[in-house]
Amino acid sequence: ELPRDEAMLRRISSLVSSLPALDTPRFKSEYLAESNDALLAVILAALTKITSCLSDTVDKVLVAYDRSASKGGRRGVPPPHHGFL
């Protein structure tokens, strides 16, 4: 165990006491705005990833449909179009 360094503890205490108060309305407002911006970035990243995965899946279905249609078979043919593609 290290011995207590009283001088270092005084400097740390001085530094902490010189920091601005974090419980002001301005700080809360700015923190909330920054937090919301970060959360929005996370949501947009998730939506981008989901859209990419959905696009890949649609591409695979279309490739499978093209292969099935070129062989003249009905196996693997998606159900009739219902207006969502």
C-alpha atoms as a PDB file:
ATOM      1  CA  GLU A   1       0.000   0.000   0.000  1.00  0.00           C
ATOM      2  CA  LEU A   2       1.256   3.472  -0.879  1.00  0.00           C
ATOM      3  CA  PRO A   3       1.570   6.176   1.757  1.00  0.00           C
ATOM      4  CA  ARG A   4      -0.892   9.075   1.580  1.00  0.00           C
ATOM      5  CA  ASP A   5       0.485  12.081  -0.273  1.00  0.00           C
ATOM      6  CA  GLU A   6      -1.163  14.998   1.520  1.00  0.00           C
ATOM      7  CA  ALA A   7       0.189  17.560  -0.950  1.00  0.00           C
ATOM      8  CA  MET A   8      -1.299  15.640  -3.878  1.00  0.00           C
ATOM      9  CA  LEU A   9      -4.636  15.315  -2.075  1.00  0.00           C
ATOM     10  CA  ARG A  10      -4.689  19.098  -1.479  1.00  0.00           C
ATOM     11  CA  ARG A  11      -3.997  19.751  -5.169  1.00  0.00           C
ATOM     12  CA  ILE A  12      -6.761  17.355  -6.202  1.00  0.00           C
ATOM     13  CA  SER A  13      -9.164  18.973  -3.754  1.00  0.00           C
ATOM     14  CA  SER A  14      -8.251  22.421  -5.090  1.00  0.00           C
ATOM     15  CA  LEU A  15      -8.772  21.286  -8.674  1.00  0.00           C
ATOM     16  CA  VAL A  16     -12.152  19.724  -7.930  1.00  0.00           C
ATOM     17  CA  SER A  17     -13.361  22.797  -6.060  1.00  0.00           C
ATOM     18  CA  SER A  18     -12.359  25.030  -8.983  1.00  0.00           C
ATOM     19  CA  LEU A  19     -14.602  23.141 -11.392  1.00  0.00           C
ATOM     20  CA  PRO A  20     -17.917  24.824 -12.233  1.00  0.00           C
ATOM     21  CA  ALA A  21     -21.087  23.571 -10.617  1.00  0.00           C
ATOM     22  CA  LEU A  22     -22.782  20.905 -12.721  1.00  0.00           C
ATOM     23  CA  ASP A  23     -26.226  21.411 -11.271  1.00  0.00           C
ATOM     24  CA  THR A  24     -27.150  24.614 -13.103  1.00  0.00           C
ATOM     25  CA  PRO A  25     -30.080  24.914 -15.516  1.00  0.00           C
ATOM     26  CA  ARG A  26     -27.689  25.869 -18.338  1.00  0.00           C
ATOM     27  CA  PHE A  27     -25.570  22.747 -17.795  1.00  0.00           C
ATOM     28  CA  LYS A  28     -28.639  20.525 -17.648  1.00  0.00           C
ATOM     29  CA  SER A  29     -29.968  22.017 -20.889  1.00  0.00           C
ATOM     30  CA  GLU A  30     -26.649  21.633 -22.720  1.00  0.00           C
ATOM     31  CA  TYR A  31     -26.162  18.108 -21.373  1.00  0.00           C
ATOM     32  CA  LEU A  32     -29.650  17.113 -22.495  1.00  0.00           C
ATOM     33  CA  ALA A  33     -29.016  18.504 -25.986  1.00  0.00           C
ATOM     34  CA  GLU A  34     -25.692  16.647 -26.279  1.00  0.00           C
ATOM     35  CA  SER A  35     -27.260  13.447 -24.970  1.00  0.00           C
ATOM     36  CA  ASN A  36     -30.139  13.696 -27.438  1.00  0.00           C
ATOM     37  CA  ASP A  37     -27.711  14.302 -30.317  1.00  0.00           C
ATOM     38  CA  ALA A  38     -25.707  11.221 -29.356  1.00  0.00           C
ATOM     39  CA  LEU A  39     -28.837   9.068 -29.067  1.00  0.00           C
ATOM     40  CA  LEU A  40     -30.056  10.303 -32.450  1.00  0.00           C
ATOM     41  CA  ALA A  41     -26.723   9.300 -34.005  1.00  0.00           C
ATOM     42  CA  VAL A  42     -27.085   5.814 -32.493  1.00  0.00           C
ATOM     43  CA  ILE A  43     -30.637   5.471 -33.838  1.00  0.00           C
ATOM     44  CA  LEU A  44     -29.578   6.623 -37.314  1.00  0.00           C
ATOM     45  CA  ALA A  45     -26.692   4.154 -37.328  1.00  0.00           C
ATOM     46  CA  ALA A  46     -29.054   1.322 -36.356  1.00  0.00           C
ATOM     47  CA  LEU A  47     -31.541   2.311 -39.061  1.00  0.00           C
ATOM     48  CA  THR A  48     -28.750   2.421 -41.631  1.00  0.00           C
ATOM     49  CA  LYS A  49     -27.607  -1.060 -40.660  1.00  0.00           C
ATOM     50  CA  ILE A  50     -31.142  -2.436 -40.716  1.00  0.00           C
ATOM     51  CA  THR A  51     -31.776  -0.888 -44.140  1.00  0.00           C
ATOM     52  CA  SER A  52     -28.566  -2.419 -45.476  1.00  0.00           C
ATOM     53  CA  CYS A  53     -29.489  -5.876 -44.137  1.00  0.00           C
ATOM     54  CA  LEU A  54     -32.986  -5.586 -45.588  1.00  0.00           C
ATOM     55  CA  SER A  55     -31.551  -4.569 -48.956  1.00  0.00           C
ATOM     56  CA  ASP A  56     -29.194  -7.569 -48.928  1.00  0.00           C
ATOM     57  CA  THR A  57     -32.090  -9.887 -48.098  1.00  0.00           C
ATOM     58  CA  VAL A  58     -34.239  -8.488 -50.905  1.00  0.00           C
ATOM     59  CA  ASP A  59     -31.316  -8.909 -53.321  1.00  0.00           C
ATOM     60  CA  LYS A  60     -30.937 -12.567 -52.285  1.00  0.00           C
ATOM     61  CA  VAL A  61     -34.650 -13.213 -52.740  1.00  0.00           C
ATOM     62  CA  LEU A  62     -34.562 -11.626 -56.185  1.00  0.00           C
ATOM     63  CA  VAL A  63     -31.534 -13.719 -57.189  1.00  0.00           C
ATOM     64  CA  ALA A  64     -33.265 -16.879 -55.968  1.00  0.00           C
ATOM     65  CA  TYR A  65     -36.435 -15.914 -57.855  1.00  0.00           C
ATOM     66  CA  ASP A  66     -34.457 -15.245 -61.060  1.00  0.00           C
ATOM     67  CA  ARG A  67     -32.724 -18.649 -60.819  1.00  0.00           C
ATOM     68  CA  SER A  68     -36.024 -20.414 -60.226  1.00  0.00           C
ATOM     69  CA  ALA A  69     -37.724 -18.608 -63.107  1.00  0.00           C
ATOM     70  CA  SER A  70     -34.864 -19.336 -65.520  1.00  0.00           C
ATOM     71  CA  LYS A  71     -35.129 -23.077 -64.761  1.00  0.00           C
ATOM     72  CA  GLY A  72     -38.817 -23.003 -65.523  1.00  0.00           C
ATOM     73  CA  GLY A  73     -39.817 -24.264 -62.099  1.00  0.00           C
ATOM     74  CA  ARG A  74     -42.127 -22.856 -59.499  1.00  0.00           C
ATOM     75  CA  ARG A  75     -40.004 -23.933 -56.544  1.00  0.00           C
ATOM     76  CA  GLY A  76     -38.823 -20.983 -54.492  1.00  0.00           C
ATOM     77  CA  VAL A  77     -41.113 -18.541 -56.251  1.00  0.00           C
ATOM     78  CA  PRO A  78     -42.291 -15.851 -53.877  1.00  0.00           C
ATOM     79  CA  PRO A  79     -46.025 -15.354 -53.387  1.00  0.00           C
ATOM     80  CA  PRO A  80     -47.835 -13.015 -55.783  1.00  0.00           C
ATOM     81  CA  HIS A  81     -46.932  -9.347 -55.564  1.00  0.00           C
ATOM     82  CA  HIS A  82     -49.048  -7.482 -53.021  1.00  0.00           C
ATOM     83  CA  GLY A  83     -47.697  -3.991 -53.635  1.00  0.00           C
ATOM     84  CA  PHE A  84     -44.985  -3.974 -50.952  1.00  0.00           C
ATOM     85  CA  LEU A  85     -41.947  -4.489 -53.238  1.00  0.00           C
END
